[in-house]
Amino acid sequence: MRTIETKVYSFNELSEEAKQKAIETIRNINYEYNDFAEWAIDDCSLLEPMEKEISKFKNYDFPLIKNNRKIYFSLDRNRYIDISRAMEIQDDKMFLNWLGIDNRLIDKISFEIGKDTIDFEIQLELTEIQEQKLERAKEKFEDHCEDILNRIENDIDYRFSDEAIIEDIEANDYEFTEEGKRY
């Protein structure tokens, strides 16, 4: 029988070289076993308009757009997002106002959310100016969908950054060998 003694270190006790090895070790584990995409779409405020846009509404009550988490997306070459089943609009009038549609026009339309677009059904004849407002609203919604996809991507990217990995190491009190291998 033999006894092997191993010294273990907290992250802060490691040399700079060993810290980099420790970060890479945890990053590789995260690449193999992660739910970061699920965590990113689990954000209750993910679908909400930006604070600077929504704060101008006096009667705003969170959430304007409830996230039921049925979001499908890809960040690969064929980048896309499908939020058609994820968005539950809590206040149609405020939602349309946020898109730039005034109250006079709201009574003349209904809407349906597509995978990354919004379609308006027009019940009465519209003026050219009203049609332009609807087109701008559609563009704003499409930009919002792109912003949601970017927020998901940024959240996932952050979780693989050195900063996030160090936070994870310190929060979980991981220990390492002198070389930076996880103990």
C-alpha atoms as a PDB file:
ATOM      1  CA  MET A   1       0.000   0.000   0.000  1.00  0.00           C
ATOM      2  CA  ARG A   2       1.132   3.529  -0.660  1.00  0.00           C
ATOM      3  CA  THR A   3      -0.064   6.966   0.342  1.00  0.00           C
ATOM      4  CA  ILE A   4      -0.101   9.840  -2.099  1.00  0.00           C
ATOM      5  CA  GLU A   5      -0.312  13.366  -0.803  1.00  0.00           C
ATOM      6  CA  THR A   6      -1.591  16.136  -3.037  1.00  0.00           C
ATOM      7  CA  LYS A   7      -1.601  19.791  -2.222  1.00  0.00           C
ATOM      8  CA  VAL A   8      -4.741  21.599  -3.344  1.00  0.00           C
ATOM      9  CA  TYR A   9      -5.102  25.312  -3.866  1.00  0.00           C
ATOM     10  CA  SER A  10      -7.889  27.813  -4.187  1.00  0.00           C
ATOM     11  CA  PHE A  11      -7.924  29.731  -7.458  1.00  0.00           C
ATOM     12  CA  ASN A  12      -6.378  32.834  -5.867  1.00  0.00           C
ATOM     13  CA  GLU A  13      -3.453  30.817  -4.504  1.00  0.00           C
ATOM     14  CA  LEU A  14      -2.395  29.620  -7.978  1.00  0.00           C
ATOM     15  CA  SER A  15       0.365  31.114 -10.085  1.00  0.00           C
ATOM     16  CA  GLU A  16      -0.752  33.127 -13.122  1.00  0.00           C
ATOM     17  CA  GLU A  17       0.132  30.227 -15.416  1.00  0.00           C
ATOM     18  CA  ALA A  18      -1.830  27.759 -13.277  1.00  0.00           C
ATOM     19  CA  LYS A  19      -4.798  30.179 -13.152  1.00  0.00           C
ATOM     20  CA  GLN A  20      -4.934  30.170 -16.950  1.00  0.00           C
ATOM     21  CA  LYS A  21      -4.803  26.362 -16.945  1.00  0.00           C
ATOM     22  CA  ALA A  22      -7.622  26.282 -14.366  1.00  0.00           C
ATOM     23  CA  ILE A  23      -9.761  28.649 -16.453  1.00  0.00           C
ATOM     24  CA  GLU A  24      -9.221  26.512 -19.558  1.00  0.00           C
ATOM     25  CA  THR A  25     -10.045  23.350 -17.602  1.00  0.00           C
ATOM     26  CA  ILE A  26     -13.378  24.786 -16.432  1.00  0.00           C
ATOM     27  CA  ARG A  27     -14.097  26.263 -19.881  1.00  0.00           C
ATOM     28  CA  ASN A  28     -13.601  22.827 -21.480  1.00  0.00           C
ATOM     29  CA  ILE A  29     -15.922  21.235 -18.931  1.00  0.00           C
ATOM     30  CA  ASN A  30     -18.486  23.952 -19.689  1.00  0.00           C
ATOM     31  CA  TYR A  31     -18.243  23.279 -23.426  1.00  0.00           C
ATOM     32  CA  GLU A  32     -19.050  19.625 -22.841  1.00  0.00           C
ATOM     33  CA  TYR A  33     -21.795  20.014 -20.240  1.00  0.00           C
ATOM     34  CA  ASN A  34     -23.659  23.291 -20.416  1.00  0.00           C
ATOM     35  CA  ASP A  35     -27.212  24.517 -20.445  1.00  0.00           C
ATOM     36  CA  PHE A  36     -26.221  28.087 -21.177  1.00  0.00           C
ATOM     37  CA  ALA A  37     -28.702  28.439 -24.049  1.00  0.00           C
ATOM     38  CA  GLU A  38     -31.513  27.342 -21.739  1.00  0.00           C
ATOM     39  CA  TRP A  39     -30.314  29.760 -19.084  1.00  0.00           C
ATOM     40  CA  ALA A  40     -30.236  32.593 -21.623  1.00  0.00           C
ATOM     41  CA  ILE A  41     -33.855  32.102 -22.693  1.00  0.00           C
ATOM     42  CA  ASP A  42     -34.997  31.603 -19.093  1.00  0.00           C
ATOM     43  CA  ASP A  43     -34.664  35.350 -18.498  1.00  0.00           C
ATOM     44  CA  CYS A  44     -38.101  36.782 -17.616  1.00  0.00           C
ATOM     45  CA  SER A  45     -37.194  40.146 -19.151  1.00  0.00           C
ATOM     46  CA  LEU A  46     -35.596  38.770 -22.343  1.00  0.00           C
ATOM     47  CA  LEU A  47     -38.533  39.733 -24.577  1.00  0.00           C
ATOM     48  CA  GLU A  48     -39.198  43.102 -22.947  1.00  0.00           C
ATOM     49  CA  PRO A  49     -38.509  46.355 -24.769  1.00  0.00           C
ATOM     50  CA  MET A  50     -35.426  48.208 -23.579  1.00  0.00           C
ATOM     51  CA  GLU A  51     -35.848  50.196 -20.373  1.00  0.00           C
ATOM     52  CA  LYS A  52     -35.265  53.553 -22.094  1.00  0.00           C
ATOM     53  CA  GLU A  53     -38.139  52.843 -24.509  1.00  0.00           C
ATOM     54  CA  ILE A  54     -40.676  51.451 -22.068  1.00  0.00           C
ATOM     55  CA  SER A  55     -40.056  53.855 -19.177  1.00  0.00           C
ATOM     56  CA  LYS A  56     -41.961  56.621 -20.963  1.00  0.00           C
ATOM     57  CA  PHE A  57     -45.237  54.740 -20.463  1.00  0.00           C
ATOM     58  CA  LYS A  58     -46.963  55.842 -17.254  1.00  0.00           C
ATOM     59  CA  ASN A  59     -48.970  52.661 -16.711  1.00  0.00           C
ATOM     60  CA  TYR A  60     -46.241  50.177 -17.577  1.00  0.00           C
ATOM     61  CA  ASP A  61     -46.593  46.975 -15.608  1.00  0.00           C
ATOM     62  CA  PHE A  62     -43.899  44.313 -15.991  1.00  0.00           C
ATOM     63  CA  PRO A  63     -44.056  42.259 -18.103  1.00  0.00           C
ATOM     64  CA  LEU A  64     -45.469  43.840 -21.217  1.00  0.00           C
ATOM     65  CA  ILE A  65     -44.303  40.776 -23.136  1.00  0.00           C
ATOM     66  CA  LYS A  66     -44.387  37.634 -21.014  1.00  0.00           C
ATOM     67  CA  ASN A  67     -41.699  35.085 -21.848  1.00  0.00           C
ATOM     68  CA  ASN A  68     -43.115  31.552 -21.774  1.00  0.00           C
ATOM     69  CA  ARG A  69     -39.693  30.284 -22.932  1.00  0.00           C
ATOM     70  CA  LYS A  70     -40.821  28.581 -26.151  1.00  0.00           C
ATOM     71  CA  ILE A  71     -38.004  30.239 -28.053  1.00  0.00           C
ATOM     72  CA  TYR A  72     -36.195  28.500 -30.879  1.00  0.00           C
ATOM     73  CA  PHE A  73     -32.988  29.929 -32.261  1.00  0.00           C
ATOM     74  CA  SER A  74     -29.701  29.220 -33.921  1.00  0.00           C
ATOM     75  CA  LEU A  75     -26.517  31.259 -33.655  1.00  0.00           C
ATOM     76  CA  ASP A  76     -24.790  29.313 -36.408  1.00  0.00           C
ATOM     77  CA  ARG A  77     -24.355  30.322 -40.033  1.00  0.00           C
ATOM     78  CA  ASN A  78     -28.123  30.173 -40.661  1.00  0.00           C
ATOM     79  CA  ARG A  79     -28.812  32.513 -37.754  1.00  0.00           C
ATOM     80  CA  TYR A  80     -32.489  32.787 -36.826  1.00  0.00           C
ATOM     81  CA  ILE A  81     -34.929  33.244 -33.977  1.00  0.00           C
ATOM     82  CA  ASP A  82     -38.507  32.039 -33.694  1.00  0.00           C
ATOM     83  CA  ILE A  83     -40.441  33.799 -30.933  1.00  0.00           C
ATOM     84  CA  SER A  84     -43.919  33.130 -32.376  1.00  0.00           C
ATOM     85  CA  ARG A  85     -44.920  30.859 -29.489  1.00  0.00           C
ATOM     86  CA  ALA A  86     -42.800  32.559 -26.827  1.00  0.00           C
ATOM     87  CA  MET A  87     -44.387  36.002 -26.635  1.00  0.00           C
ATOM     88  CA  GLU A  88     -47.507  36.549 -24.611  1.00  0.00           C
ATOM     89  CA  ILE A  89     -48.530  40.185 -24.985  1.00  0.00           C
ATOM     90  CA  GLN A  90     -50.023  41.372 -21.702  1.00  0.00           C
ATOM     91  CA  ASP A  91     -51.365  44.743 -22.912  1.00  0.00           C
ATOM     92  CA  ASP A  92     -52.118  44.943 -26.662  1.00  0.00           C
ATOM     93  CA  LYS A  93     -52.643  48.707 -26.679  1.00  0.00           C
ATOM     94  CA  MET A  94     -49.388  49.504 -24.860  1.00  0.00           C
ATOM     95  CA  PHE A  95     -47.538  46.987 -27.040  1.00  0.00           C
ATOM     96  CA  LEU A  96     -48.801  48.658 -30.223  1.00  0.00           C
ATOM     97  CA  ASN A  97     -48.042  52.111 -28.768  1.00  0.00           C
ATOM     98  CA  TRP A  98     -44.492  50.950 -28.053  1.00  0.00           C
ATOM     99  CA  LEU A  99     -44.226  49.944 -31.717  1.00  0.00           C
ATOM    100  CA  GLY A 100     -45.238  53.499 -32.656  1.00  0.00           C
ATOM    101  CA  ILE A 101     -48.877  52.924 -33.526  1.00  0.00           C
ATOM    102  CA  ASP A 102     -51.162  55.615 -32.171  1.00  0.00           C
ATOM    103  CA  ASN A 103     -54.554  55.006 -30.574  1.00  0.00           C
ATOM    104  CA  ARG A 104     -56.532  56.133 -33.654  1.00  0.00           C
ATOM    105  CA  LEU A 105     -54.895  53.414 -35.726  1.00  0.00           C
ATOM    106  CA  ILE A 106     -55.135  50.674 -33.090  1.00  0.00           C
ATOM    107  CA  ASP A 107     -58.903  50.314 -33.607  1.00  0.00           C
ATOM    108  CA  LYS A 108     -58.367  49.663 -37.326  1.00  0.00           C
ATOM    109  CA  ILE A 109     -55.916  46.778 -37.033  1.00  0.00           C
ATOM    110  CA  SER A 110     -55.202  43.470 -35.383  1.00  0.00           C
ATOM    111  CA  PHE A 111     -51.859  41.713 -35.294  1.00  0.00           C
ATOM    112  CA  GLU A 112     -50.261  38.302 -35.264  1.00  0.00           C
ATOM    113  CA  ILE A 113     -46.711  37.543 -34.213  1.00  0.00           C
ATOM    114  CA  GLY A 114     -44.700  35.374 -36.593  1.00  0.00           C
ATOM    115  CA  LYS A 115     -41.359  33.691 -36.022  1.00  0.00           C
ATOM    116  CA  ASP A 116     -39.413  36.972 -36.190  1.00  0.00           C
ATOM    117  CA  THR A 117     -41.981  39.374 -37.578  1.00  0.00           C
ATOM    118  CA  ILE A 118     -45.369  40.859 -36.886  1.00  0.00           C
ATOM    119  CA  ASP A 119     -48.223  40.893 -39.372  1.00  0.00           C
ATOM    120  CA  PHE A 120     -51.040  43.389 -39.263  1.00  0.00           C
ATOM    121  CA  GLU A 121     -54.546  42.693 -40.419  1.00  0.00           C
ATOM    122  CA  ILE A 122     -56.215  45.880 -41.591  1.00  0.00           C
ATOM    123  CA  GLN A 123     -59.960  46.194 -41.068  1.00  0.00           C
ATOM    124  CA  LEU A 124     -60.512  49.568 -42.747  1.00  0.00           C
ATOM    125  CA  GLU A 125     -58.810  51.493 -45.501  1.00  0.00           C
ATOM    126  CA  LEU A 126     -55.693  53.284 -44.304  1.00  0.00           C
ATOM    127  CA  THR A 127     -54.022  56.468 -45.378  1.00  0.00           C
ATOM    128  CA  GLU A 128     -50.522  56.374 -46.764  1.00  0.00           C
ATOM    129  CA  ILE A 129     -49.206  57.833 -43.514  1.00  0.00           C
ATOM    130  CA  GLN A 130     -50.930  55.085 -41.503  1.00  0.00           C
ATOM    131  CA  GLU A 131     -49.490  52.427 -43.801  1.00  0.00           C
ATOM    132  CA  GLN A 132     -46.032  53.939 -43.261  1.00  0.00           C
ATOM    133  CA  LYS A 133     -46.558  53.780 -39.487  1.00  0.00           C
ATOM    134  CA  LEU A 134     -47.400  50.092 -39.775  1.00  0.00           C
ATOM    135  CA  GLU A 135     -44.309  49.486 -41.884  1.00  0.00           C
ATOM    136  CA  ARG A 136     -42.117  51.285 -39.314  1.00  0.00           C
ATOM    137  CA  ALA A 137     -43.777  49.266 -36.523  1.00  0.00           C
ATOM    138  CA  LYS A 138     -42.985  46.065 -38.395  1.00  0.00           C
ATOM    139  CA  GLU A 139     -39.348  47.139 -38.815  1.00  0.00           C
ATOM    140  CA  LYS A 140     -39.125  48.043 -35.128  1.00  0.00           C
ATOM    141  CA  PHE A 141     -40.458  44.625 -34.163  1.00  0.00           C
ATOM    142  CA  GLU A 142     -37.986  42.864 -36.465  1.00  0.00           C
ATOM    143  CA  ASP A 143     -35.151  44.928 -34.957  1.00  0.00           C
ATOM    144  CA  HIS A 144     -36.420  43.927 -31.510  1.00  0.00           C
ATOM    145  CA  CYS A 145     -36.269  40.237 -32.514  1.00  0.00           C
ATOM    146  CA  GLU A 146     -32.697  40.714 -33.722  1.00  0.00           C
ATOM    147  CA  ASP A 147     -31.886  42.419 -30.422  1.00  0.00           C
ATOM    148  CA  ILE A 148     -33.328  39.439 -28.512  1.00  0.00           C
ATOM    149  CA  LEU A 149     -31.119  37.080 -30.523  1.00  0.00           C
ATOM    150  CA  ASN A 150     -28.087  39.286 -29.841  1.00  0.00           C
ATOM    151  CA  ARG A 151     -28.879  39.299 -26.111  1.00  0.00           C
ATOM    152  CA  ILE A 152     -29.059  35.498 -26.111  1.00  0.00           C
ATOM    153  CA  GLU A 153     -25.759  35.280 -27.967  1.00  0.00           C
ATOM    154  CA  ASN A 154     -24.070  37.774 -25.631  1.00  0.00           C
ATOM    155  CA  ASP A 155     -25.307  35.890 -22.570  1.00  0.00           C
ATOM    156  CA  ILE A 156     -23.942  32.588 -23.872  1.00  0.00           C
ATOM    157  CA  ASP A 157     -20.632  34.184 -24.911  1.00  0.00           C
ATOM    158  CA  TYR A 158     -20.259  35.804 -21.497  1.00  0.00           C
ATOM    159  CA  ARG A 159     -20.622  32.457 -19.726  1.00  0.00           C
ATOM    160  CA  PHE A 160     -17.499  31.221 -21.559  1.00  0.00           C
ATOM    161  CA  SER A 161     -15.489  34.373 -20.821  1.00  0.00           C
ATOM    162  CA  ASP A 162     -12.611  34.378 -18.332  1.00  0.00           C
ATOM    163  CA  GLU A 163     -14.563  36.743 -16.090  1.00  0.00           C
ATOM    164  CA  ALA A 164     -17.613  34.457 -15.839  1.00  0.00           C
ATOM    165  CA  ILE A 165     -15.483  31.351 -15.378  1.00  0.00           C
ATOM    166  CA  ILE A 166     -13.531  32.987 -12.551  1.00  0.00           C
ATOM    167  CA  GLU A 167     -16.837  33.991 -10.924  1.00  0.00           C
ATOM    168  CA  ASP A 168     -17.999  30.367 -11.226  1.00  0.00           C
ATOM    169  CA  ILE A 169     -14.735  29.043  -9.766  1.00  0.00           C
ATOM    170  CA  GLU A 170     -14.884  31.408  -6.813  1.00  0.00           C
ATOM    171  CA  ALA A 171     -18.619  30.945  -6.175  1.00  0.00           C
ATOM    172  CA  ASN A 172     -18.234  27.164  -6.102  1.00  0.00           C
ATOM    173  CA  ASP A 173     -14.937  27.100  -4.187  1.00  0.00           C
ATOM    174  CA  TYR A 174     -13.266  24.871  -6.768  1.00  0.00           C
ATOM    175  CA  GLU A 175      -9.861  23.586  -5.795  1.00  0.00           C
ATOM    176  CA  PHE A 176      -6.912  22.831  -8.040  1.00  0.00           C
ATOM    177  CA  THR A 177      -3.552  21.165  -8.079  1.00  0.00           C
ATOM    178  CA  GLU A 178      -0.487  23.351  -8.267  1.00  0.00           C
ATOM    179  CA  GLU A 179      -0.525  22.990 -12.084  1.00  0.00           C
ATOM    180  CA  GLY A 180      -4.148  24.216 -12.331  1.00  0.00           C
ATOM    181  CA  LYS A 181      -5.908  20.879 -12.775  1.00  0.00           C
ATOM    182  CA  ARG A 182      -9.256  20.678 -11.014  1.00  0.00           C
ATOM    183  CA  TYR A 183      -9.103  18.594  -7.874  1.00  0.00           C
END
